[in-house]
Amino acid sequence: MPRFGAIIDGKEVAKNIRKSLKPRIAALAEKAIVPGLAAVLVGDDPASATYVRSKARACEKLGIYSEVIRCDALLTQNELIEIVESLNSNDKIHGILVQSPVPSHIDELTVTVTINPEKDVDGFHPYNVGMMLLGYGGLLPCTPHGIIKLMRHYDIDPAGKEVVVVGRSNIVGKPVAAMLMQKCDMGNATVTVAHSRSKNLAEIARRADILIAAIGRPRAITADMVKEGAVVIDVGINRIEDTSTEKGYKIVGDVDFDGCGEKASYITPVPGGVGPMTIAMLLSNTVTAAEMTS
């Protein structure tokens, strides 16, 4: 019978992280500080709207103040910048995120740079990215930091290991590669970044002791691309048609879970793997940002 790798339970780890935030939030309350998170949603992208609602519910459960600012897709860039600047000066708000994607007429980098780096809980501001590359802490990008936390929980030490990151986005691929190569605890890996234009992608992927898939293509990583006993971390969230479900679709990752699971020592499911960690780390960053003001 085929052997199946151990499942990395992102829901459980995220639950533990949220639990660890409670005493920190209580300590802030003693100083009359309530961590506050503002999410700005431009347009009516269904996936973005669902994600923002999840963030708001998670805040409410922990006692974090949450504000969702919904804007029409025709909102101008200057109007969006004015909203961000008003949140920068709002003492109730410690964390600001502008939900991606934004409409094509808005330059996302210009908006990101407008956010006060001390309130940049997504970890996308060039200041925070630079500090991360230099090996200093602060507000780290949520999904890559969540991956590191998952690995730590399951005693998956990247030191000296060959890590292959498939994907080079500014949100996941580049930062997780940078974090894993740092000279620090949960770092010291030998990191290769591959992508859609890499030649012999399967051959590169098979070298990995730890394979992180963030390429944005459903089930792009197949069993023949995975070394026996590798750790497989799937960052992908893809909606594919499935007429057998009530919604008419289902969510799958960038990894062929069934095939790769027979070779992996550990593997993350989709959903329930990296996704819950992203929200948990966003909440953690919001509490950290509030602590920086106390």
Protein backbone atom coordinates (compact mmCIF):
# COMPACT_ATOMS: atom_id res chain seq x y z
CA MET A 1 0.00 0.00 0.00
CA PRO A 2 1.24 3.55 -0.72
CA ARG A 3 2.73 5.44 2.21
CA PHE A 4 1.36 8.92 2.81
CA GLY A 5 3.41 11.75 4.31
CA ALA A 6 2.54 13.33 7.63
CA ILE A 7 0.03 16.15 7.24
CA ILE A 8 1.18 19.58 8.38
CA ASP A 9 -1.90 20.98 10.14
CA GLY A 10 -1.89 24.74 9.58
CA LYS A 11 -5.22 25.17 11.35
CA GLU A 12 -3.88 23.73 14.59
CA VAL A 13 -0.63 25.72 14.50
CA ALA A 14 -2.53 28.92 13.69
CA LYS A 15 -4.84 28.22 16.63
CA ASN A 16 -1.81 27.97 18.93
CA ILE A 17 -0.44 31.26 17.62
CA ARG A 18 -3.75 33.04 18.19
CA LYS A 19 -3.83 31.60 21.72
CA SER A 20 -0.32 32.93 22.38
CA LEU A 21 -1.47 36.42 21.39
CA LYS A 22 -4.10 36.61 24.15
CA PRO A 23 -1.73 37.45 27.04
CA ARG A 24 0.00 40.05 24.87
CA ILE A 25 -3.34 41.65 24.04
CA ALA A 26 -4.25 41.58 27.76
CA ALA A 27 -0.95 43.30 28.63
CA LEU A 28 -1.74 46.03 26.11
CA ALA A 29 -5.23 46.42 27.59
CA GLU A 30 -3.62 47.24 30.94
CA LYS A 31 -2.04 50.22 29.16
CA ALA A 32 -5.42 51.15 27.61
CA ILE A 33 -4.25 50.01 24.17
CA VAL A 34 -6.46 47.91 21.89
CA PRO A 35 -4.61 46.65 18.79
CA GLY A 36 -6.36 47.94 15.69
CA LEU A 37 -6.31 46.63 12.12
CA ALA A 38 -7.74 48.42 9.09
CA ALA A 39 -8.27 46.60 5.79
CA VAL A 40 -8.97 48.60 2.64
CA LEU A 41 -10.82 46.69 -0.08
CA VAL A 42 -11.04 48.31 -3.52
CA GLY A 43 -13.49 46.73 -5.95
CA ASP A 44 -15.60 43.59 -5.65
CA ASP A 45 -13.18 40.70 -6.15
CA PRO A 46 -15.00 37.77 -4.45
CA ALA A 47 -11.84 36.06 -3.17
CA SER A 48 -10.54 39.32 -1.68
CA ALA A 49 -13.89 40.02 -0.04
CA THR A 50 -13.94 36.55 1.52
CA TYR A 51 -10.39 36.96 2.78
CA VAL A 52 -11.11 40.36 4.33
CA ARG A 53 -14.18 38.95 6.10
CA SER A 54 -12.04 36.13 7.51
CA LYS A 55 -9.54 38.67 8.84
CA ALA A 56 -12.31 40.72 10.46
CA ARG A 57 -13.82 37.65 12.16
CA ALA A 58 -10.40 36.56 13.44
CA CYS A 59 -9.82 40.04 14.91
CA GLU A 60 -13.20 40.02 16.63
CA LYS A 61 -12.53 36.66 18.31
CA LEU A 62 -9.26 37.93 19.79
CA GLY A 63 -10.46 41.35 20.85
CA ILE A 64 -8.54 43.22 18.15
CA TYR A 65 -10.30 46.30 16.83
CA SER A 66 -11.10 45.79 13.15
CA GLU A 67 -12.12 48.29 10.51
CA VAL A 68 -12.96 47.37 6.91
CA ILE A 69 -13.06 50.18 4.37
CA ARG A 70 -14.83 49.09 1.19
CA CYS A 71 -14.30 51.25 -1.88
CA ASP A 72 -15.71 51.30 -5.38
CA ALA A 73 -13.48 49.90 -8.13
CA LEU A 74 -13.49 53.36 -9.74
CA LEU A 75 -11.72 54.87 -6.74
CA THR A 76 -8.76 56.94 -7.95
CA GLN A 77 -5.21 56.36 -6.82
CA ASN A 78 -5.11 59.75 -5.10
CA GLU A 79 -8.31 58.95 -3.23
CA LEU A 80 -6.84 55.64 -2.06
CA ILE A 81 -3.67 57.40 -0.92
CA GLU A 82 -5.79 59.88 1.06
CA ILE A 83 -7.48 56.95 2.83
CA VAL A 84 -4.12 55.39 3.69
CA GLU A 85 -2.75 58.70 4.96
CA SER A 86 -5.79 59.16 7.20
CA LEU A 87 -5.19 55.68 8.66
CA ASN A 88 -1.51 56.55 9.19
CA SER A 89 -2.59 59.35 11.52
CA ASN A 90 -5.36 57.37 13.24
CA ASP A 91 -4.17 56.33 16.71
CA LYS A 92 -6.79 53.54 16.90
CA ILE A 93 -5.18 51.80 13.93
CA HIS A 94 -1.87 49.99 14.41
CA GLY A 95 -1.97 47.88 11.25
CA ILE A 96 -2.96 48.84 7.71
CA LEU A 97 -3.36 46.56 4.73
CA VAL A 98 -4.62 47.33 1.26
CA GLN A 99 -6.06 44.08 -0.05
CA SER A 100 -4.44 42.83 -3.24
CA PRO A 101 -5.21 42.83 -6.11
CA VAL A 102 -6.18 46.46 -6.66
CA PRO A 103 -7.72 47.69 -9.94
CA SER A 104 -5.24 48.06 -12.80
CA HIS A 105 -5.39 51.88 -12.81
CA ILE A 106 -3.83 51.96 -9.32
CA ASP A 107 -0.08 51.55 -8.85
CA GLU A 108 0.20 49.17 -5.93
CA LEU A 109 3.80 50.10 -5.07
CA THR A 110 2.93 53.78 -4.76
CA VAL A 111 0.14 52.89 -2.34
CA THR A 112 2.37 50.50 -0.37
CA VAL A 113 5.07 53.15 0.05
CA THR A 114 2.43 55.51 1.44
CA ILE A 115 1.72 53.18 4.38
CA ASN A 116 3.64 54.04 7.53
CA PRO A 117 6.26 51.23 7.81
CA GLU A 118 5.38 50.86 11.51
CA LYS A 119 1.80 50.02 10.46
CA ASP A 120 2.73 47.86 7.47
CA VAL A 121 1.44 44.55 8.85
CA ASP A 122 1.70 42.87 5.44
CA GLY A 123 5.46 43.45 5.56
CA PHE A 124 5.53 44.81 1.99
CA HIS A 125 6.92 48.32 2.55
CA PRO A 126 10.46 48.68 1.10
CA TYR A 127 11.74 49.61 4.56
CA ASN A 128 10.45 46.37 6.09
CA VAL A 129 11.61 44.33 3.08
CA GLY A 130 15.08 45.86 3.43
CA MET A 131 15.23 45.13 7.15
CA MET A 132 14.22 41.52 6.44
CA LEU A 133 16.97 41.17 3.82
CA LEU A 134 19.50 42.55 6.30
CA GLY A 135 18.44 39.90 8.80
CA TYR A 136 16.64 42.17 11.24
CA GLY A 137 13.17 41.35 12.58
CA GLY A 138 10.25 43.71 12.63
CA LEU A 139 7.11 43.24 10.59
CA LEU A 140 7.80 40.22 8.38
CA PRO A 141 5.62 39.23 5.40
CA CYS A 142 2.81 37.05 6.68
CA THR A 143 2.81 34.01 4.41
CA PRO A 144 6.60 33.45 4.41
CA HIS A 145 6.71 33.98 8.19
CA GLY A 146 3.82 31.53 8.53
CA ILE A 147 5.78 28.93 6.58
CA ILE A 148 8.74 29.35 8.93
CA LYS A 149 6.43 28.96 11.95
CA LEU A 150 4.96 25.74 10.50
CA MET A 151 8.43 24.31 9.96
CA ARG A 152 9.48 25.22 13.49
CA HIS A 153 6.37 23.59 14.97
CA TYR A 154 7.09 20.32 13.16
CA ASP A 155 10.84 20.42 13.94
CA ILE A 156 11.72 20.78 10.27
CA ASP A 157 15.13 22.42 10.51
CA PRO A 158 16.25 23.98 7.21
CA ALA A 159 19.90 24.38 8.30
CA GLY A 160 22.19 22.83 5.69
CA LYS A 161 19.23 21.52 3.71
CA GLU A 162 18.58 22.14 0.03
CA VAL A 163 15.44 24.23 -0.31
CA VAL A 164 13.80 24.83 -3.68
CA VAL A 165 11.24 27.62 -3.89
CA VAL A 166 9.12 27.39 -7.04
CA GLY A 167 7.86 30.93 -7.58
CA ARG A 168 9.47 34.37 -7.38
CA SER A 169 6.69 36.72 -6.31
CA ASN A 170 7.35 39.64 -3.98
CA ILE A 171 4.67 38.25 -1.65
CA VAL A 172 5.97 34.70 -1.15
CA GLY A 173 8.81 33.41 -3.32
CA LYS A 174 11.44 36.11 -2.86
CA PRO A 175 10.87 36.78 0.85
CA VAL A 176 10.69 33.13 1.94
CA ALA A 177 13.93 32.46 0.04
CA ALA A 178 15.58 35.43 1.78
CA MET A 179 14.37 34.33 5.22
CA LEU A 180 15.56 30.74 4.81
CA MET A 181 19.06 31.76 3.72
CA GLN A 182 19.61 34.05 6.73
CA LYS A 183 22.37 33.20 9.19
CA CYS A 184 19.95 32.56 12.04
CA ASP A 185 17.68 30.06 13.75
CA MET A 186 15.34 28.52 11.12
CA GLY A 187 17.72 29.71 8.41
CA ASN A 188 21.09 28.59 7.02
CA ALA A 189 19.51 26.72 4.11
CA THR A 190 20.94 26.41 0.61
CA VAL A 191 18.18 28.02 -1.40
CA THR A 192 17.35 27.76 -5.10
CA VAL A 193 14.57 29.89 -6.55
CA ALA A 194 12.96 28.35 -9.64
CA HIS A 195 10.02 29.64 -11.65
CA SER A 196 7.91 29.17 -14.77
CA ARG A 197 10.84 29.95 -17.07
CA SER A 198 13.35 27.70 -15.35
CA LYS A 199 14.77 25.02 -17.60
CA ASN A 200 14.51 21.46 -16.28
CA LEU A 201 12.15 22.53 -13.49
CA ALA A 202 11.39 18.94 -12.51
CA GLU A 203 15.10 18.17 -12.18
CA ILE A 204 15.64 21.24 -9.97
CA ALA A 205 12.63 20.39 -7.81
CA ARG A 206 13.83 16.82 -7.27
CA ARG A 207 16.97 18.13 -5.56
CA ALA A 208 14.92 19.65 -2.77
CA ASP A 209 14.93 18.42 0.79
CA ILE A 210 12.26 21.09 1.32
CA LEU A 211 10.11 22.05 -1.67
CA ILE A 212 7.99 25.19 -1.43
CA ALA A 213 5.44 25.57 -4.22
CA ALA A 214 4.25 29.12 -4.87
CA ILE A 215 3.90 29.21 -8.64
CA GLY A 216 0.17 29.94 -8.86
CA ARG A 217 -0.76 27.02 -11.10
CA PRO A 218 -3.09 24.23 -9.95
CA ARG A 219 -1.30 20.94 -9.29
CA ALA A 220 1.82 22.09 -11.16
CA ILE A 221 4.06 20.08 -8.83
CA THR A 222 3.61 16.40 -9.55
CA ALA A 223 5.01 13.28 -7.86
CA ASP A 224 7.83 12.89 -10.39
CA MET A 225 9.16 16.30 -9.25
CA VAL A 226 9.46 15.30 -5.58
CA LYS A 227 12.37 13.49 -3.97
CA GLU A 228 11.50 10.59 -1.70
CA GLY A 229 11.20 11.90 1.87
CA ALA A 230 11.12 15.60 0.95
CA VAL A 231 9.06 18.14 2.87
CA VAL A 232 6.46 19.69 0.54
CA ILE A 233 4.89 23.03 1.42
CA ASP A 234 2.07 24.15 -0.86
CA VAL A 235 1.33 27.88 -0.89
CA GLY A 236 -1.06 27.79 -3.85
CA ILE A 237 -4.75 28.56 -3.66
CA ASN A 238 -6.42 27.86 -7.01
CA ARG A 239 -10.10 27.62 -7.87
CA ILE A 240 -10.85 24.89 -10.42
CA GLU A 241 -14.14 23.79 -11.93
CA ASP A 242 -15.84 20.86 -10.22
CA THR A 243 -19.42 20.16 -11.22
CA SER A 244 -19.77 17.55 -8.48
CA THR A 245 -19.81 20.29 -5.81
CA GLU A 246 -22.67 22.63 -4.97
CA LYS A 247 -20.53 25.69 -5.72
CA GLY A 248 -19.33 24.28 -9.02
CA TYR A 249 -15.67 24.59 -8.06
CA LYS A 250 -13.13 23.44 -5.51
CA ILE A 251 -9.92 24.85 -4.09
CA VAL A 252 -6.65 23.08 -4.83
CA GLY A 253 -3.01 23.96 -4.33
CA ASP A 254 0.01 24.15 -6.61
CA VAL A 255 0.85 20.56 -5.63
CA ASP A 256 -0.77 17.31 -6.69
CA PHE A 257 -1.52 16.40 -3.08
CA ASP A 258 -2.38 12.74 -3.56
CA GLY A 259 0.59 11.90 -5.77
CA CYS A 260 3.20 13.95 -3.90
CA GLY A 261 1.90 12.82 -0.53
CA GLU A 262 3.01 9.27 -1.28
CA LYS A 263 6.64 10.44 -1.51
CA ALA A 264 6.80 13.32 0.97
CA SER A 265 7.77 12.98 4.63
CA TYR A 266 5.58 16.02 5.42
CA ILE A 267 3.07 17.83 3.24
CA THR A 268 0.66 20.74 3.67
CA PRO A 269 -2.94 20.34 2.53
CA VAL A 270 -4.94 22.96 0.63
CA PRO A 271 -7.02 24.26 2.23
CA GLY A 272 -5.89 23.98 5.84
CA GLY A 273 -2.13 24.29 5.45
CA VAL A 274 -0.39 27.60 4.83
CA GLY A 275 -3.60 29.64 4.44
CA PRO A 276 -4.61 29.78 8.13
CA MET A 277 -1.05 30.75 9.02
CA THR A 278 -1.19 33.86 6.86
CA ILE A 279 -4.07 35.27 8.88
CA ALA A 280 -2.46 34.21 12.17
CA MET A 281 0.75 36.06 11.30
CA LEU A 282 -1.23 39.13 10.24
CA LEU A 283 -2.83 39.19 13.69
CA SER A 284 0.59 38.68 15.27
CA ASN A 285 2.03 41.59 13.28
CA THR A 286 -0.88 43.80 14.36
CA VAL A 287 -0.21 43.03 18.02
CA THR A 288 3.52 43.62 17.48
CA ALA A 289 2.78 46.98 15.84
CA ALA A 290 0.58 47.95 18.80
CA GLU A 291 3.33 46.93 21.23
CA MET A 292 5.75 49.20 19.38
CA THR A 293 3.58 52.18 20.32
CA SER A 294 3.32 51.30 24.02
